[in-house]
Amino acid sequence: MLSIKDALEAIEGKWKLLILFSLTSGPRRFKQISRDVGGITDKTLSKELKLLEINKLISRDVYDTFPPTVEYALTSHGRSLERVLEELHYWGLLHRKNIIGK
């Protein structure tokens, strides 16, 4: 049971799974993630990205440009969730169809 608790704590909340799903298609900049996720404030996105980085699910790469370019990407540890994210995505599509009919 502790393993499930640990897993849920790492990805808990409204936004983390959506952010991780956005990054499954490759590295993204802050605004790209924000557009993918939709409805998240910059402050909340920044906080969630930091927490995902602390849990070693994503990496933050800063490039020496002007202005600085920052990209976020899944780490190998984060990529281990890709199958789970895909399954949740497909389950969500089926659930939506069953409940809403769309």
PDB file of N, CA and C in Angstrom:
ATOM      1  N   MET A   1       0.806  -1.201   0.000  1.00  0.00           N
ATOM      2  CA  MET A   1       0.000   0.000   0.000  1.00  0.00           C
ATOM      3  C   MET A   1       0.847   1.263   0.000  1.00  0.00           C
ATOM      4  N   LEU A   2       1.996   1.243   0.641  1.00  0.00           N
ATOM      5  CA  LEU A   2       2.839   2.435   0.670  1.00  0.00           C
ATOM      6  C   LEU A   2       3.300   2.833  -0.721  1.00  0.00           C
ATOM      7  N   SER A   3       3.510   1.860  -1.596  1.00  0.00           N
ATOM      8  CA  SER A   3       3.963   2.180  -2.949  1.00  0.00           C
ATOM      9  C   SER A   3       2.889   2.962  -3.707  1.00  0.00           C
ATOM     10  N   ILE A   4       1.628   2.604  -3.532  1.00  0.00           N
ATOM     11  CA  ILE A   4       0.557   3.338  -4.189  1.00  0.00           C
ATOM     12  C   ILE A   4       0.447   4.740  -3.600  1.00  0.00           C
ATOM     13  N   LYS A   5       0.595   4.854  -2.298  1.00  0.00           N
ATOM     14  CA  LYS A   5       0.557   6.164  -1.645  1.00  0.00           C
ATOM     15  C   LYS A   5       1.684   7.044  -2.178  1.00  0.00           C
ATOM     16  N   ASP A   6       2.890   6.494  -2.292  1.00  0.00           N
ATOM     17  CA  ASP A   6       4.027   7.248  -2.824  1.00  0.00           C
ATOM     18  C   ASP A   6       3.766   7.701  -4.258  1.00  0.00           C
ATOM     19  N   ALA A   7       3.218   6.803  -5.070  1.00  0.00           N
ATOM     20  CA  ALA A   7       2.934   7.132  -6.468  1.00  0.00           C
ATOM     21  C   ALA A   7       1.901   8.253  -6.558  1.00  0.00           C
ATOM     22  N   LEU A   8       0.845   8.136  -5.783  1.00  0.00           N
ATOM     23  CA  LEU A   8      -0.199   9.158  -5.815  1.00  0.00           C
ATOM     24  C   LEU A   8       0.317  10.507  -5.329  1.00  0.00           C
ATOM     25  N   GLU A   9       1.162  10.513  -4.331  1.00  0.00           N
ATOM     26  CA  GLU A   9       1.723  11.774  -3.838  1.00  0.00           C
ATOM     27  C   GLU A   9       2.586  12.454  -4.898  1.00  0.00           C
ATOM     28  N   ALA A  10       3.278  11.670  -5.714  1.00  0.00           N
ATOM     29  CA  ALA A  10       4.152  12.245  -6.748  1.00  0.00           C
ATOM     30  C   ALA A  10       3.357  12.870  -7.888  1.00  0.00           C
ATOM     31  N   ILE A  11       2.153  12.355  -8.149  1.00  0.00           N
ATOM     32  CA  ILE A  11       1.383  12.843  -9.298  1.00  0.00           C
ATOM     33  C   ILE A  11       0.025  13.416  -8.902  1.00  0.00           C
ATOM     34  N   GLU A  12      -0.175  13.671  -7.609  1.00  0.00           N
ATOM     35  CA  GLU A  12      -1.468  14.150  -7.132  1.00  0.00           C
ATOM     36  C   GLU A  12      -1.789  15.546  -7.665  1.00  0.00           C
ATOM     37  N   GLY A  13      -3.056  15.860  -7.629  1.00  0.00           N
ATOM     38  CA  GLY A  13      -3.509  17.188  -8.004  1.00  0.00           C
ATOM     39  C   GLY A  13      -4.147  17.218  -9.378  1.00  0.00           C
ATOM     40  N   LYS A  14      -4.661  18.376  -9.692  1.00  0.00           N
ATOM     41  CA  LYS A  14      -5.411  18.590 -10.924  1.00  0.00           C
ATOM     42  C   LYS A  14      -4.526  18.678 -12.156  1.00  0.00           C
ATOM     43  N   TRP A  15      -3.264  19.086 -12.001  1.00  0.00           N
ATOM     44  CA  TRP A  15      -2.451  19.475 -13.148  1.00  0.00           C
ATOM     45  C   TRP A  15      -1.303  18.555 -13.499  1.00  0.00           C
ATOM     46  N   LYS A  16      -0.742  17.842 -12.559  1.00  0.00           N
ATOM     47  CA  LYS A  16       0.513  17.108 -12.804  1.00  0.00           C
ATOM     48  C   LYS A  16       0.402  16.092 -13.943  1.00  0.00           C
ATOM     49  N   LEU A  17      -0.663  15.311 -13.972  1.00  0.00           N
ATOM     50  CA  LEU A  17      -0.809  14.317 -15.037  1.00  0.00           C
ATOM     51  C   LEU A  17      -0.956  14.986 -16.393  1.00  0.00           C
ATOM     52  N   LEU A  18      -1.656  16.115 -16.433  1.00  0.00           N
ATOM     53  CA  LEU A  18      -1.813  16.844 -17.693  1.00  0.00           C
ATOM     54  C   LEU A  18      -0.476  17.401 -18.175  1.00  0.00           C
ATOM     55  N   ILE A  19       0.331  17.897 -17.259  1.00  0.00           N
ATOM     56  CA  ILE A  19       1.661  18.409 -17.607  1.00  0.00           C
ATOM     57  C   ILE A  19       2.525  17.262 -18.123  1.00  0.00           C
ATOM     58  N   LEU A  20       2.530  16.164 -17.418  1.00  0.00           N
ATOM     59  CA  LEU A  20       3.314  15.008 -17.847  1.00  0.00           C
ATOM     60  C   LEU A  20       2.861  14.509 -19.215  1.00  0.00           C
ATOM     61  N   PHE A  21       1.549  14.478 -19.440  1.00  0.00           N
ATOM     62  CA  PHE A  21       1.031  14.030 -20.737  1.00  0.00           C
ATOM     63  C   PHE A  21       1.488  14.979 -21.847  1.00  0.00           C
ATOM     64  N   SER A  22       1.511  16.268 -21.572  1.00  0.00           N
ATOM     65  CA  SER A  22       2.004  17.251 -22.542  1.00  0.00           C
ATOM     66  C   SER A  22       3.442  16.958 -22.934  1.00  0.00           C
ATOM     67  N   LEU A  23       4.237  16.536 -21.974  1.00  0.00           N
ATOM     68  CA  LEU A  23       5.666  16.292 -22.218  1.00  0.00           C
ATOM     69  C   LEU A  23       5.955  14.941 -22.865  1.00  0.00           C
ATOM     70  N   THR A  24       4.937  14.079 -22.995  1.00  0.00           N
ATOM     71  CA  THR A  24       5.180  12.787 -23.638  1.00  0.00           C
ATOM     72  C   THR A  24       5.511  12.941 -25.120  1.00  0.00           C
ATOM     73  N   SER A  25       5.122  14.058 -25.711  1.00  0.00           N
ATOM     74  CA  SER A  25       5.430  14.255 -27.135  1.00  0.00           C
ATOM     75  C   SER A  25       6.753  14.985 -27.351  1.00  0.00           C
ATOM     76  N   GLY A  26       7.502  15.224 -26.280  1.00  0.00           N
ATOM     77  CA  GLY A  26       8.824  15.827 -26.409  1.00  0.00           C
ATOM     78  C   GLY A  26       8.981  17.046 -25.528  1.00  0.00           C
ATOM     79  N   PRO A  27      10.203  17.599 -25.508  1.00  0.00           N
ATOM     80  CA  PRO A  27      10.475  18.779 -24.678  1.00  0.00           C
ATOM     81  C   PRO A  27       9.560  19.953 -25.045  1.00  0.00           C
ATOM     82  N   ARG A  28       9.187  20.706 -24.052  1.00  0.00           N
ATOM     83  CA  ARG A  28       8.296  21.851 -24.250  1.00  0.00           C
ATOM     84  C   ARG A  28       8.800  23.045 -23.448  1.00  0.00           C
ATOM     85  N   ARG A  29       8.499  24.220 -23.959  1.00  0.00           N
ATOM     86  CA  ARG A  29       8.730  25.449 -23.204  1.00  0.00           C
ATOM     87  C   ARG A  29       7.512  25.716 -22.328  1.00  0.00           C
ATOM     88  N   PHE A  30       7.699  26.625 -21.389  1.00  0.00           N
ATOM     89  CA  PHE A  30       6.666  26.947 -20.401  1.00  0.00           C
ATOM     90  C   PHE A  30       5.325  27.262 -21.062  1.00  0.00           C
ATOM     91  N   LYS A  31       5.325  28.183 -22.019  1.00  0.00           N
ATOM     92  CA  LYS A  31       4.072  28.616 -22.660  1.00  0.00           C
ATOM     93  C   LYS A  31       3.445  27.488 -23.484  1.00  0.00           C
ATOM     94  N   GLN A  32       4.267  26.622 -24.053  1.00  0.00           N
ATOM     95  CA  GLN A  32       3.723  25.485 -24.792  1.00  0.00           C
ATOM     96  C   GLN A  32       2.969  24.552 -23.852  1.00  0.00           C
ATOM     97  N   ILE A  33       3.558  24.303 -22.691  1.00  0.00           N
ATOM     98  CA  ILE A  33       2.890  23.453 -21.688  1.00  0.00           C
ATOM     99  C   ILE A  33       1.595  24.109 -21.245  1.00  0.00           C
ATOM    100  N   SER A  34       1.650  25.413 -21.000  1.00  0.00           N
ATOM    101  CA  SER A  34       0.470  26.156 -20.567  1.00  0.00           C
ATOM    102  C   SER A  34      -0.657  26.040 -21.586  1.00  0.00           C
ATOM    103  N   ARG A  35      -0.336  26.168 -22.864  1.00  0.00           N
ATOM    104  CA  ARG A  35      -1.350  26.029 -23.925  1.00  0.00           C
ATOM    105  C   ARG A  35      -1.889  24.602 -23.983  1.00  0.00           C
ATOM    106  N   ASP A  36      -0.985  23.611 -23.875  1.00  0.00           N
ATOM    107  CA  ASP A  36      -1.420  22.210 -23.918  1.00  0.00           C
ATOM    108  C   ASP A  36      -2.390  21.895 -22.784  1.00  0.00           C
ATOM    109  N   VAL A  37      -2.051  22.356 -21.598  1.00  0.00           N
ATOM    110  CA  VAL A  37      -2.841  22.032 -20.409  1.00  0.00           C
ATOM    111  C   VAL A  37      -4.144  22.829 -20.395  1.00  0.00           C
ATOM    112  N   GLY A  38      -4.065  24.112 -20.675  1.00  0.00           N
ATOM    113  CA  GLY A  38      -5.250  24.966 -20.715  1.00  0.00           C
ATOM    114  C   GLY A  38      -5.858  25.219 -19.348  1.00  0.00           C
ATOM    115  N   GLY A  39      -6.101  26.489 -19.038  1.00  0.00           N
ATOM    116  CA  GLY A  39      -6.780  26.855 -17.800  1.00  0.00           C
ATOM    117  C   GLY A  39      -5.907  26.932 -16.564  1.00  0.00           C
ATOM    118  N   ILE A  40      -4.626  26.728 -16.713  1.00  0.00           N
ATOM    119  CA  ILE A  40      -3.712  26.781 -15.573  1.00  0.00           C
ATOM    120  C   ILE A  40      -3.046  28.158 -15.530  1.00  0.00           C
ATOM    121  N   THR A  41      -2.912  28.714 -14.337  1.00  0.00           N
ATOM    122  CA  THR A  41      -2.237  30.005 -14.212  1.00  0.00           C
ATOM    123  C   THR A  41      -0.725  29.794 -14.287  1.00  0.00           C
ATOM    124  N   ASP A  42       0.004  30.845 -14.653  1.00  0.00           N
ATOM    125  CA  ASP A  42       1.459  30.752 -14.720  1.00  0.00           C
ATOM    126  C   ASP A  42       2.057  30.399 -13.357  1.00  0.00           C
ATOM    127  N   LYS A  43       1.492  30.981 -12.302  1.00  0.00           N
ATOM    128  CA  LYS A  43       1.990  30.715 -10.950  1.00  0.00           C
ATOM    129  C   LYS A  43       1.816  29.236 -10.585  1.00  0.00           C
ATOM    130  N   THR A  44       0.658  28.684 -10.884  1.00  0.00           N
ATOM    131  CA  THR A  44       0.397  27.279 -10.578  1.00  0.00           C
ATOM    132  C   THR A  44       1.264  26.367 -11.427  1.00  0.00           C
ATOM    133  N   LEU A  45       1.405  26.691 -12.716  1.00  0.00           N
ATOM    134  CA  LEU A  45       2.242  25.876 -13.591  1.00  0.00           C
ATOM    135  C   LEU A  45       3.679  25.872 -13.094  1.00  0.00           C
ATOM    136  N   SER A  46       4.178  27.015 -12.711  1.00  0.00           N
ATOM    137  CA  SER A  46       5.537  27.115 -12.189  1.00  0.00           C
ATOM    138  C   SER A  46       5.714  26.238 -10.951  1.00  0.00           C
ATOM    139  N   LYS A  47       4.750  26.293 -10.040  1.00  0.00           N
ATOM    140  CA  LYS A  47       4.797  25.488  -8.812  1.00  0.00           C
ATOM    141  C   LYS A  47       4.762  23.991  -9.135  1.00  0.00           C
ATOM    142  N   GLU A  48       3.872  23.599 -10.031  1.00  0.00           N
ATOM    143  CA  GLU A  48       3.741  22.186 -10.388  1.00  0.00           C
ATOM    144  C   GLU A  48       5.003  21.671 -11.083  1.00  0.00           C
ATOM    145  N   LEU A  49       5.594  22.480 -11.953  1.00  0.00           N
ATOM    146  CA  LEU A  49       6.828  22.076 -12.630  1.00  0.00           C
ATOM    147  C   LEU A  49       7.951  21.854 -11.610  1.00  0.00           C
ATOM    148  N   LYS A  50       8.037  22.734 -10.621  1.00  0.00           N
ATOM    149  CA  LYS A  50       9.062  22.573  -9.583  1.00  0.00           C
ATOM    150  C   LYS A  50       8.855  21.273  -8.801  1.00  0.00           C
ATOM    151  N   LEU A  51       7.604  20.973  -8.469  1.00  0.00           N
ATOM    152  CA  LEU A  51       7.326  19.736  -7.731  1.00  0.00           C
ATOM    153  C   LEU A  51       7.634  18.496  -8.569  1.00  0.00           C
ATOM    154  N   LEU A  52       7.317  18.547  -9.855  1.00  0.00           N
ATOM    155  CA  LEU A  52       7.638  17.417 -10.739  1.00  0.00           C
ATOM    156  C   LEU A  52       9.145  17.245 -10.875  1.00  0.00           C
ATOM    157  N   GLU A  53       9.857  18.367 -10.875  1.00  0.00           N
ATOM    158  CA  GLU A  53      11.321  18.306 -10.946  1.00  0.00           C
ATOM    159  C   GLU A  53      11.902  17.728  -9.657  1.00  0.00           C
ATOM    160  N   ILE A  54      11.362  18.121  -8.525  1.00  0.00           N
ATOM    161  CA  ILE A  54      11.806  17.579  -7.238  1.00  0.00           C
ATOM    162  C   ILE A  54      11.618  16.065  -7.202  1.00  0.00           C
ATOM    163  N   ASN A  55      10.519  15.577  -7.785  1.00  0.00           N
ATOM    164  CA  ASN A  55      10.240  14.142  -7.825  1.00  0.00           C
ATOM    165  C   ASN A  55      10.959  13.439  -8.972  1.00  0.00           C
ATOM    166  N   LYS A  56      11.831  14.160  -9.652  1.00  0.00           N
ATOM    167  CA  LYS A  56      12.671  13.626 -10.728  1.00  0.00           C
ATOM    168  C   LYS A  56      11.872  13.041 -11.893  1.00  0.00           C
ATOM    169  N   LEU A  57      10.677  13.607 -12.113  1.00  0.00           N
ATOM    170  CA  LEU A  57       9.851  13.170 -13.229  1.00  0.00           C
ATOM    171  C   LEU A  57      10.119  14.002 -14.475  1.00  0.00           C
ATOM    172  N   ILE A  58      10.588  15.246 -14.273  1.00  0.00           N
ATOM    173  CA  ILE A  58      10.932  16.110 -15.401  1.00  0.00           C
ATOM    174  C   ILE A  58      12.292  16.761 -15.147  1.00  0.00           C
ATOM    175  N   SER A  59      12.883  17.223 -16.244  1.00  0.00           N
ATOM    176  CA  SER A  59      14.123  17.996 -16.128  1.00  0.00           C
ATOM    177  C   SER A  59      13.866  19.390 -16.679  1.00  0.00           C
ATOM    178  N   ARG A  60      14.650  20.333 -16.216  1.00  0.00           N
ATOM    179  CA  ARG A  60      14.561  21.729 -16.650  1.00  0.00           C
ATOM    180  C   ARG A  60      15.910  22.093 -17.239  1.00  0.00           C
ATOM    181  N   ASP A  61      15.922  22.416 -18.523  1.00  0.00           N
ATOM    182  CA  ASP A  61      17.167  22.779 -19.203  1.00  0.00           C
ATOM    183  C   ASP A  61      17.118  24.243 -19.606  1.00  0.00           C
ATOM    184  N   VAL A  62      18.140  24.990 -19.177  1.00  0.00           N
ATOM    185  CA  VAL A  62      18.249  26.407 -19.503  1.00  0.00           C
ATOM    186  C   VAL A  62      19.340  26.567 -20.548  1.00  0.00           C
ATOM    187  N   TYR A  63      18.997  27.233 -21.670  1.00  0.00           N
ATOM    188  CA  TYR A  63      19.951  27.444 -22.754  1.00  0.00           C
ATOM    189  C   TYR A  63      20.444  28.882 -22.729  1.00  0.00           C
ATOM    190  N   ASP A  64      21.708  29.043 -23.050  1.00  0.00           N
ATOM    191  CA  ASP A  64      22.362  30.348 -23.002  1.00  0.00           C
ATOM    192  C   ASP A  64      22.008  31.172 -24.243  1.00  0.00           C
ATOM    193  N   THR A  65      20.808  31.727 -24.228  1.00  0.00           N
ATOM    194  CA  THR A  65      20.347  32.593 -25.299  1.00  0.00           C
ATOM    195  C   THR A  65      19.844  33.880 -24.666  1.00  0.00           C
ATOM    196  N   PHE A  66      19.511  34.855 -25.493  1.00  0.00           N
ATOM    197  CA  PHE A  66      18.935  36.086 -24.953  1.00  0.00           C
ATOM    198  C   PHE A  66      17.591  36.318 -25.605  1.00  0.00           C
ATOM    199  N   PRO A  67      16.503  36.312 -24.869  1.00  0.00           N
ATOM    200  CA  PRO A  67      16.417  35.955 -23.447  1.00  0.00           C
ATOM    201  C   PRO A  67      16.649  34.457 -23.262  1.00  0.00           C
ATOM    202  N   PRO A  68      16.945  34.031 -22.036  1.00  0.00           N
ATOM    203  CA  PRO A  68      17.223  32.612 -21.800  1.00  0.00           C
ATOM    204  C   PRO A  68      16.057  31.725 -22.242  1.00  0.00           C
ATOM    205  N   THR A  69      16.383  30.619 -22.853  1.00  0.00           N
ATOM    206  CA  THR A  69      15.389  29.632 -23.267  1.00  0.00           C
ATOM    207  C   THR A  69      15.372  28.511 -22.228  1.00  0.00           C
ATOM    208  N   VAL A  70      14.184  28.165 -21.773  1.00  0.00           N
ATOM    209  CA  VAL A  70      14.037  27.096 -20.787  1.00  0.00           C
ATOM    210  C   VAL A  70      13.110  26.041 -21.387  1.00  0.00           C
ATOM    211  N   GLU A  71      13.563  24.797 -21.352  1.00  0.00           N
ATOM    212  CA  GLU A  71      12.745  23.684 -21.828  1.00  0.00           C
ATOM    213  C   GLU A  71      12.588  22.656 -20.721  1.00  0.00           C
ATOM    214  N   TYR A  72      11.416  22.064 -20.700  1.00  0.00           N
ATOM    215  CA  TYR A  72      11.110  20.998 -19.754  1.00  0.00           C
ATOM    216  C   TYR A  72      10.941  19.709 -20.535  1.00  0.00           C
ATOM    217  N   ALA A  73      11.414  18.609 -19.967  1.00  0.00           N
ATOM    218  CA  ALA A  73      11.311  17.306 -20.630  1.00  0.00           C
ATOM    219  C   ALA A  73      11.134  16.228 -19.576  1.00  0.00           C
ATOM    220  N   LEU A  74      10.572  15.114 -20.014  1.00  0.00           N
ATOM    221  CA  LEU A  74      10.470  13.965 -19.120  1.00  0.00           C
ATOM    222  C   LEU A  74      11.857  13.377 -18.894  1.00  0.00           C
ATOM    223  N   THR A  75      12.142  12.991 -17.678  1.00  0.00           N
ATOM    224  CA  THR A  75      13.359  12.240 -17.379  1.00  0.00           C
ATOM    225  C   THR A  75      13.093  10.771 -17.706  1.00  0.00           C
ATOM    226  N   SER A  76      14.097   9.945 -17.595  1.00  0.00           N
ATOM    227  CA  SER A  76      13.860   8.518 -17.821  1.00  0.00           C
ATOM    228  C   SER A  76      12.869   7.982 -16.779  1.00  0.00           C
ATOM    229  N   HIS A  77      12.955   8.514 -15.566  1.00  0.00           N
ATOM    230  CA  HIS A  77      12.005   8.133 -14.518  1.00  0.00           C
ATOM    231  C   HIS A  77      10.591   8.579 -14.906  1.00  0.00           C
ATOM    232  N   GLY A  78      10.472   9.786 -15.437  1.00  0.00           N
ATOM    233  CA  GLY A  78       9.176  10.291 -15.880  1.00  0.00           C
ATOM    234  C   GLY A  78       8.633   9.507 -17.065  1.00  0.00           C
ATOM    235  N   ARG A  79       9.526   9.104 -17.977  1.00  0.00           N
ATOM    236  CA  ARG A  79       9.095   8.320 -19.137  1.00  0.00           C
ATOM    237  C   ARG A  79       8.542   6.955 -18.722  1.00  0.00           C
ATOM    238  N   SER A  80       8.911   6.501 -17.543  1.00  0.00           N
ATOM    239  CA  SER A  80       8.363   5.226 -17.075  1.00  0.00           C
ATOM    240  C   SER A  80       6.855   5.330 -16.820  1.00  0.00           C
ATOM    241  N   LEU A  81       6.314   6.545 -16.796  1.00  0.00           N
ATOM    242  CA  LEU A  81       4.872   6.745 -16.621  1.00  0.00           C
ATOM    243  C   LEU A  81       4.126   6.840 -17.946  1.00  0.00           C
ATOM    244  N   GLU A  82       4.834   6.837 -19.074  1.00  0.00           N
ATOM    245  CA  GLU A  82       4.178   7.033 -20.368  1.00  0.00           C
ATOM    246  C   GLU A  82       3.071   6.019 -20.630  1.00  0.00           C
ATOM    247  N   ARG A  83       3.312   4.770 -20.344  1.00  0.00           N
ATOM    248  CA  ARG A  83       2.289   3.745 -20.571  1.00  0.00           C
ATOM    249  C   ARG A  83       1.062   4.010 -19.703  1.00  0.00           C
ATOM    250  N   VAL A  84       1.289   4.401 -18.460  1.00  0.00           N
ATOM    251  CA  VAL A  84       0.182   4.722 -17.552  1.00  0.00           C
ATOM    252  C   VAL A  84      -0.604   5.916 -18.090  1.00  0.00           C
ATOM    253  N   LEU A  85       0.113   6.942 -18.567  1.00  0.00           N
ATOM    254  CA  LEU A  85      -0.545   8.135 -19.103  1.00  0.00           C
ATOM    255  C   LEU A  85      -1.359   7.810 -20.351  1.00  0.00           C
ATOM    256  N   GLU A  86      -0.803   6.987 -21.226  1.00  0.00           N
ATOM    257  CA  GLU A  86      -1.542   6.579 -22.426  1.00  0.00           C
ATOM    258  C   GLU A  86      -2.803   5.815 -22.056  1.00  0.00           C
ATOM    259  N   GLU A  87      -2.679   4.883 -21.116  1.00  0.00           N
ATOM    260  CA  GLU A  87      -3.851   4.118 -20.683  1.00  0.00           C
ATOM    261  C   GLU A  87      -4.909   5.022 -20.062  1.00  0.00           C
ATOM    262  N   LEU A  88      -4.492   5.997 -19.246  1.00  0.00           N
ATOM    263  CA  LEU A  88      -5.438   6.951 -18.666  1.00  0.00           C
ATOM    264  C   LEU A  88      -6.116   7.766 -19.758  1.00  0.00           C
ATOM    265  N   HIS A  89      -5.343   8.158 -20.774  1.00  0.00           N
ATOM    266  CA  HIS A  89      -5.883   8.926 -21.896  1.00  0.00           C
ATOM    267  C   HIS A  89      -6.980   8.119 -22.598  1.00  0.00           C
ATOM    268  N   TYR A  90      -6.685   6.879 -22.943  1.00  0.00           N
ATOM    269  CA  TYR A  90      -7.673   6.053 -23.645  1.00  0.00           C
ATOM    270  C   TYR A  90      -8.867   5.716 -22.764  1.00  0.00           C
ATOM    271  N   TRP A  91      -8.611   5.456 -21.496  1.00  0.00           N
ATOM    272  CA  TRP A  91      -9.717   5.199 -20.577  1.00  0.00           C
ATOM    273  C   TRP A  91     -10.604   6.439 -20.472  1.00  0.00           C
ATOM    274  N   GLY A  92      -9.985   7.616 -20.411  1.00  0.00           N
ATOM    275  CA  GLY A  92     -10.747   8.869 -20.346  1.00  0.00           C
ATOM    276  C   GLY A  92     -11.620   9.067 -21.569  1.00  0.00           C
ATOM    277  N   LEU A  93     -11.102   8.721 -22.751  1.00  0.00           N
ATOM    278  CA  LEU A  93     -11.902   8.815 -23.972  1.00  0.00           C
ATOM    279  C   LEU A  93     -13.124   7.898 -23.891  1.00  0.00           C
ATOM    280  N   LEU A  94     -12.914   6.659 -23.441  1.00  0.00           N
ATOM    281  CA  LEU A  94     -14.032   5.713 -23.301  1.00  0.00           C
ATOM    282  C   LEU A  94     -15.024   6.183 -22.239  1.00  0.00           C
ATOM    283  N   HIS A  95     -14.506   6.664 -21.135  1.00  0.00           N
ATOM    284  CA  HIS A  95     -15.354   7.143 -20.044  1.00  0.00           C
ATOM    285  C   HIS A  95     -16.208   8.313 -20.522  1.00  0.00           C
ATOM    286  N   ARG A  96     -15.582   9.258 -21.217  1.00  0.00           N
ATOM    287  CA  ARG A  96     -16.294  10.417 -21.745  1.00  0.00           C
ATOM    288  C   ARG A  96     -17.415   9.968 -22.690  1.00  0.00           C
ATOM    289  N   LYS A  97     -17.096   8.999 -23.545  1.00  0.00           N
ATOM    290  CA  LYS A  97     -18.083   8.499 -24.502  1.00  0.00           C
ATOM    291  C   LYS A  97     -19.249   7.819 -23.779  1.00  0.00           C
ATOM    292  N   ASN A  98     -18.942   7.034 -22.756  1.00  0.00           N
ATOM    293  CA  ASN A  98     -19.981   6.345 -21.991  1.00  0.00           C
ATOM    294  C   ASN A  98     -20.851   7.303 -21.173  1.00  0.00           C
ATOM    295  N   ILE A  99     -20.254   8.331 -20.633  1.00  0.00           N
ATOM    296  CA  ILE A  99     -20.981   9.256 -19.757  1.00  0.00           C
ATOM    297  C   ILE A  99     -21.671  10.364 -20.532  1.00  0.00           C
ATOM    298  N   ILE A 100     -20.920  10.983 -21.449  1.00  0.00           N
ATOM    299  CA  ILE A 100     -21.434  12.147 -22.159  1.00  0.00           C
ATOM    300  C   ILE A 100     -21.956  11.787 -23.560  1.00  0.00           C
ATOM    301  N   GLY A 101     -21.420  10.717 -24.112  1.00  0.00           N
ATOM    302  CA  GLY A 101     -21.814  10.335 -25.452  1.00  0.00           C
ATOM    303  C   GLY A 101     -20.996  11.020 -26.540  1.00  0.00           C
ATOM    304  N   LYS A 102     -19.860  11.626 -26.151  1.00  0.00           N
ATOM    305  CA  LYS A 102     -18.978  12.305 -27.128  1.00  0.00           C
ATOM    306  C   LYS A 102     -17.625  11.669 -27.160  1.00  0.00           C
TER     307      LYS A 102
END
